[in-house]
Amino acid sequence: MAQNQLKTQYNDLKRSFDAKPSDLKKCGLLLAKLKIGLIETGLLTPQGEHNVDDLVVARDILEIGAIWSIRTRDVPSFDRYFSQLQTFYTDYSSVLPPSKNEYPIRGLNLIRLLTQNRIADFHTTLESLPLPADAIADNQYISHPVNLEQWLMEGSYSKVWNARERAPVEEYKFFVDSLMGTIRNEIASCEEAAYESLPLKDALTLLFFNTQSELLTFAQKRGWQIDLSKSAITFATKGEEQVEIPKQMLISSSLAYARELEQIV
């Protein structure tokens, strides 16, 4: 693919991506063609000297690909684009102008590591960022995942839930939703072990659902019995394998969650 053809398709990609809403299907088709073009021109994983403008175009294509991957909920695709961007973010950082998308994408990668419970990799990646430690708090794209990790370690799940609405870019919400799925299952397992039943309104609050229909769908997947006439959920019996967890401790924790939510709302 000639350089002028590459730039023509790149401009077409930008128009499709910047449209309101983005034309994700067309972006996917163009990205597939453009990656072939980057391979043919030696710009997918560049080495040595290259024209700076060509490197900027290549970086921009890959950054659009990374964000497009999240918008289409394709995490493996995001991983590939992020890996390919490392050459531009490290080897060519001294010759390329800063990219407005670099730190949003780096932040997305940090949250992805959290969703996969790769805490050691999270900290290694955080320490390798070209940012001084005291500048992290001032970078909204990096401080957001750092705060999420801290709240997860503390068990402050209501803060994780509310962080979704304070995401610096829309794409962060995809991974926060994934985190909340994991958190809900952990809370649900504790509820099953501690209670025989719960009122629907309490379960709704404890599991951070916005609507009763979301709660009912979740309950059905876990095999819970739902009594709408009594507005209650009965948990499946564990029999002799039921784990003994002090009810008072969980009740206190649950009430703390509810109070914290009420204060935030």
Protein backbone atom coordinates (compact mmCIF):
# COMPACT_ATOMS: atom_id res chain seq x y z
CA MET A 1 0.00 0.00 0.00
CA ALA A 2 1.40 3.38 -1.01
CA GLN A 3 1.81 6.10 1.61
CA ASN A 4 -0.80 8.36 -0.05
CA GLN A 5 -3.34 5.51 -0.08
CA LEU A 6 -2.56 4.80 3.59
CA LYS A 7 -3.20 8.43 4.53
CA THR A 8 -6.43 8.51 2.49
CA GLN A 9 -7.78 5.48 4.36
CA TYR A 10 -6.51 6.94 7.64
CA ASN A 11 -8.50 10.14 7.05
CA ASP A 12 -11.56 7.99 6.24
CA LEU A 13 -11.01 6.11 9.52
CA LYS A 14 -10.82 9.35 11.48
CA ARG A 15 -14.07 10.60 9.99
CA SER A 16 -15.85 7.33 10.79
CA PHE A 17 -14.41 7.22 14.31
CA ASP A 18 -15.17 10.88 15.10
CA ALA A 19 -18.76 10.61 13.83
CA LYS A 20 -21.54 10.93 16.43
CA PRO A 21 -22.02 8.05 17.02
CA SER A 22 -18.89 6.35 15.67
CA ASP A 23 -19.41 4.05 12.70
CA LEU A 24 -17.87 1.05 14.46
CA LYS A 25 -18.52 -1.40 11.64
CA LYS A 26 -16.78 0.79 9.06
CA CYS A 27 -13.95 1.46 11.52
CA GLY A 28 -13.39 -2.27 11.88
CA LEU A 29 -13.16 -2.77 8.11
CA LEU A 30 -10.78 0.17 7.69
CA LEU A 31 -8.59 -0.89 10.61
CA ALA A 32 -8.11 -4.34 9.05
CA LYS A 33 -6.95 -2.76 5.78
CA LEU A 34 -4.79 -0.17 7.50
CA LYS A 35 -2.94 -2.74 9.60
CA ILE A 36 -1.96 -4.51 6.39
CA GLY A 37 -0.79 -1.17 5.04
CA LEU A 38 1.25 -0.54 8.20
CA ILE A 39 2.91 -3.94 7.83
CA GLU A 40 3.74 -3.25 4.18
CA THR A 41 5.26 0.15 4.99
CA GLY A 42 7.18 -1.10 8.04
CA LEU A 43 5.17 1.06 10.42
CA LEU A 44 3.31 -1.55 12.47
CA THR A 45 6.41 -2.32 14.53
CA PRO A 46 8.84 0.31 13.24
CA GLN A 47 12.59 0.14 13.68
CA GLY A 48 15.22 2.72 12.95
CA GLU A 49 14.51 6.09 11.36
CA HIS A 50 11.12 6.94 9.89
CA ASN A 51 9.38 10.11 8.79
CA VAL A 52 7.83 11.64 11.92
CA ASP A 53 4.51 12.36 10.19
CA ASP A 54 4.25 8.73 9.10
CA LEU A 55 4.95 7.58 12.67
CA VAL A 56 2.25 9.90 14.02
CA VAL A 57 -0.28 8.49 11.54
CA ALA A 58 0.66 4.92 12.48
CA ARG A 59 0.37 5.68 16.19
CA ASP A 60 -3.00 7.36 15.67
CA ILE A 61 -4.32 4.37 13.73
CA LEU A 62 -3.32 1.99 16.53
CA GLU A 63 -4.78 4.27 19.20
CA ILE A 64 -8.09 4.41 17.35
CA GLY A 65 -7.90 0.61 17.10
CA ALA A 66 -7.40 0.29 20.87
CA ILE A 67 -10.38 2.52 21.68
CA TRP A 68 -12.50 0.87 18.97
CA SER A 69 -11.72 -2.51 20.59
CA ILE A 70 -13.20 -1.37 23.91
CA ARG A 71 -16.25 0.13 22.23
CA THR A 72 -16.85 -3.23 20.52
CA ARG A 73 -16.08 -5.09 23.79
CA ASP A 74 -13.16 -6.99 22.28
CA VAL A 75 -10.56 -7.16 25.06
CA PRO A 76 -8.08 -9.47 23.20
CA SER A 77 -8.08 -6.95 20.33
CA PHE A 78 -7.36 -4.15 22.82
CA ASP A 79 -4.43 -6.17 24.19
CA ARG A 80 -2.93 -6.51 20.70
CA TYR A 81 -3.28 -2.82 19.89
CA PHE A 82 -1.84 -1.82 23.26
CA SER A 83 1.14 -4.13 22.74
CA GLN A 84 1.80 -2.62 19.29
CA LEU A 85 1.61 0.90 20.70
CA GLN A 86 4.46 0.27 23.14
CA THR A 87 7.06 0.87 20.42
CA PHE A 88 5.62 4.34 19.82
CA TYR A 89 5.22 5.15 23.52
CA THR A 90 8.77 4.06 24.44
CA ASP A 91 11.23 3.78 21.54
CA TYR A 92 9.95 6.85 19.67
CA SER A 93 8.74 8.96 22.59
CA SER A 94 11.63 11.40 22.21
CA VAL A 95 10.91 12.16 18.54
CA LEU A 96 7.09 12.10 18.46
CA PRO A 97 4.82 14.86 19.71
CA PRO A 98 2.69 13.90 22.75
CA SER A 99 -0.53 12.03 22.04
CA LYS A 100 -3.75 13.06 23.79
CA ASN A 101 -4.82 9.40 23.74
CA GLU A 102 -1.70 7.90 25.33
CA TYR A 103 -2.68 8.21 28.98
CA PRO A 104 -6.37 7.36 28.49
CA ILE A 105 -5.19 4.14 26.81
CA ARG A 106 -2.55 3.47 29.47
CA GLY A 107 -5.26 3.92 32.09
CA LEU A 108 -7.53 1.49 30.26
CA ASN A 109 -4.76 -1.08 30.34
CA LEU A 110 -4.34 -0.63 34.10
CA ILE A 111 -8.06 -1.19 34.70
CA ARG A 112 -7.93 -4.24 32.42
CA LEU A 113 -5.24 -5.71 34.67
CA LEU A 114 -7.50 -5.13 37.68
CA THR A 115 -10.42 -6.92 36.03
CA GLN A 116 -8.14 -9.92 35.48
CA ASN A 117 -6.94 -9.79 39.11
CA ARG A 118 -3.36 -9.28 37.90
CA ILE A 119 -2.40 -7.08 40.83
CA ALA A 120 1.36 -7.67 40.55
CA ASP A 121 1.28 -6.74 36.85
CA PHE A 122 -0.80 -3.68 37.74
CA HIS A 123 1.88 -2.37 40.09
CA THR A 124 4.73 -3.26 37.73
CA THR A 125 3.01 -1.41 34.89
CA LEU A 126 2.23 1.55 37.13
CA GLU A 127 5.87 1.83 38.22
CA SER A 128 7.06 1.71 34.60
CA LEU A 129 4.99 4.72 33.53
CA PRO A 130 7.00 7.77 32.40
CA LEU A 131 5.45 9.78 35.22
CA PRO A 132 6.99 10.80 38.55
CA ALA A 133 5.14 9.29 41.49
CA ASP A 134 3.91 12.67 42.71
CA ALA A 135 2.35 13.40 39.30
CA ILE A 136 0.06 10.36 39.27
CA ALA A 137 -2.58 12.03 41.44
CA ASP A 138 -2.76 14.91 38.97
CA ASN A 139 -3.30 12.64 35.97
CA GLN A 140 -7.00 11.75 35.94
CA TYR A 141 -6.49 8.83 33.57
CA ILE A 142 -3.99 7.12 35.89
CA SER A 143 -5.34 8.22 39.27
CA HIS A 144 -8.72 6.65 38.41
CA PRO A 145 -7.40 3.05 38.18
CA VAL A 146 -5.05 3.68 41.13
CA ASN A 147 -8.04 4.66 43.27
CA LEU A 148 -10.02 1.64 42.03
CA GLU A 149 -7.23 -0.70 43.07
CA GLN A 150 -7.06 0.88 46.53
CA TRP A 151 -10.82 0.66 47.04
CA LEU A 152 -10.87 -2.97 45.90
CA MET A 153 -8.16 -3.84 48.40
CA GLU A 154 -10.12 -2.03 51.15
CA GLY A 155 -13.40 -3.67 50.18
CA SER A 156 -14.92 -0.22 49.60
CA TYR A 157 -17.19 -1.51 46.86
CA SER A 158 -19.59 1.42 46.96
CA LYS A 159 -16.69 3.70 45.98
CA VAL A 160 -15.89 1.44 43.03
CA TRP A 161 -19.54 1.55 42.00
CA ASN A 162 -19.72 5.32 42.17
CA ALA A 163 -16.41 5.70 40.35
CA ARG A 164 -18.19 4.50 37.20
CA GLU A 165 -19.97 7.83 36.87
CA ARG A 166 -16.73 9.72 37.42
CA ALA A 167 -14.80 7.89 34.71
CA PRO A 168 -12.54 10.31 32.79
CA VAL A 169 -13.55 8.73 29.47
CA GLU A 170 -16.58 6.65 28.53
CA GLU A 171 -14.52 3.55 27.70
CA TYR A 172 -13.43 3.18 31.35
CA LYS A 173 -17.02 2.25 32.26
CA PHE A 174 -16.73 -1.01 30.33
CA PHE A 175 -14.01 -2.30 32.66
CA VAL A 176 -15.64 -0.86 35.80
CA ASP A 177 -18.79 -2.81 34.87
CA SER A 178 -16.65 -5.93 34.59
CA LEU A 179 -15.20 -5.25 38.05
CA MET A 180 -18.68 -4.81 39.46
CA GLY A 181 -19.68 -8.19 38.06
CA THR A 182 -16.89 -9.81 40.05
CA ILE A 183 -17.78 -7.81 43.17
CA ARG A 184 -21.47 -8.77 42.94
CA ASN A 185 -20.61 -12.45 42.77
CA GLU A 186 -18.39 -12.16 45.85
CA ILE A 187 -21.11 -10.35 47.80
CA ALA A 188 -23.73 -12.86 46.60
CA SER A 189 -21.62 -15.78 47.82
CA CYS A 190 -21.42 -14.19 51.29
CA GLU A 191 -25.17 -13.58 51.32
CA GLU A 192 -25.88 -17.20 50.38
CA ALA A 193 -23.67 -18.43 53.20
CA ALA A 194 -25.04 -16.04 55.82
CA TYR A 195 -28.76 -15.76 55.13
CA GLU A 196 -31.66 -17.99 54.27
CA SER A 197 -33.47 -15.09 52.60
CA LEU A 198 -33.35 -11.34 52.04
CA PRO A 199 -35.92 -8.67 51.11
CA LEU A 200 -35.62 -7.65 47.48
CA LYS A 201 -34.94 -4.02 48.40
CA ASP A 202 -32.00 -5.03 50.61
CA ALA A 203 -30.53 -7.30 47.95
CA LEU A 204 -30.94 -4.50 45.40
CA THR A 205 -28.88 -2.14 47.57
CA LEU A 206 -26.25 -4.66 48.60
CA LEU A 207 -25.61 -5.81 45.03
CA PHE A 208 -25.50 -2.29 43.55
CA PHE A 209 -28.28 -2.78 41.03
CA ASN A 210 -30.28 0.14 39.69
CA THR A 211 -33.47 -1.77 38.88
CA GLN A 212 -35.35 -4.77 40.22
CA SER A 213 -35.30 -6.42 36.79
CA GLU A 214 -31.46 -6.43 36.86
CA LEU A 215 -31.56 -8.05 40.29
CA LEU A 216 -34.08 -10.69 39.21
CA THR A 217 -31.97 -11.64 36.19
CA PHE A 218 -28.91 -12.00 38.44
CA ALA A 219 -30.90 -14.01 41.00
CA GLN A 220 -32.17 -16.44 38.37
CA LYS A 221 -28.62 -17.07 37.12
CA ARG A 222 -27.57 -18.02 40.65
CA GLY A 223 -30.57 -20.26 41.16
CA TRP A 224 -32.20 -18.15 43.86
CA GLN A 225 -35.92 -18.52 44.55
CA ILE A 226 -37.87 -15.31 44.04
CA ASP A 227 -41.16 -14.64 45.83
CA LEU A 228 -42.58 -11.43 44.37
CA SER A 229 -45.64 -11.59 46.63
CA LYS A 230 -43.37 -11.34 49.67
CA SER A 231 -40.76 -9.21 47.88
CA ALA A 232 -38.07 -11.59 49.04
CA ILE A 233 -35.29 -13.82 47.74
CA THR A 234 -34.59 -17.26 49.21
CA PHE A 235 -31.11 -18.64 48.69
CA ALA A 236 -30.37 -22.18 47.59
CA THR A 237 -29.66 -24.51 50.52
CA LYS A 238 -26.02 -25.51 50.87
CA GLY A 239 -26.77 -28.49 53.12
CA GLU A 240 -23.86 -29.79 55.15
CA GLU A 241 -21.38 -27.84 53.01
CA GLN A 242 -22.86 -24.48 53.99
CA VAL A 243 -20.13 -22.12 55.16
CA GLU A 244 -20.67 -20.66 58.61
CA ILE A 245 -20.17 -16.88 58.55
CA PRO A 246 -21.16 -14.71 61.53
CA LYS A 247 -24.43 -13.08 60.55
CA GLN A 248 -23.95 -10.08 62.78
CA MET A 249 -20.70 -9.18 61.05
CA LEU A 250 -22.32 -9.31 57.62
CA ILE A 251 -25.38 -7.43 58.78
CA SER A 252 -23.19 -4.64 60.14
CA SER A 253 -21.19 -4.54 56.93
CA SER A 254 -24.35 -4.51 54.84
CA LEU A 255 -25.85 -1.67 56.84
CA ALA A 256 -22.60 0.26 56.44
CA TYR A 257 -22.81 -0.17 52.68
CA ALA A 258 -26.40 1.06 52.67
CA ARG A 259 -25.60 4.10 54.82
CA GLU A 260 -22.63 4.98 52.66
CA LEU A 261 -24.74 4.77 49.52
CA GLU A 262 -27.41 6.98 51.05
CA GLN A 263 -24.82 9.61 51.94
CA ILE A 264 -23.41 9.59 48.41
CA VAL A 265 -26.83 9.74 46.76
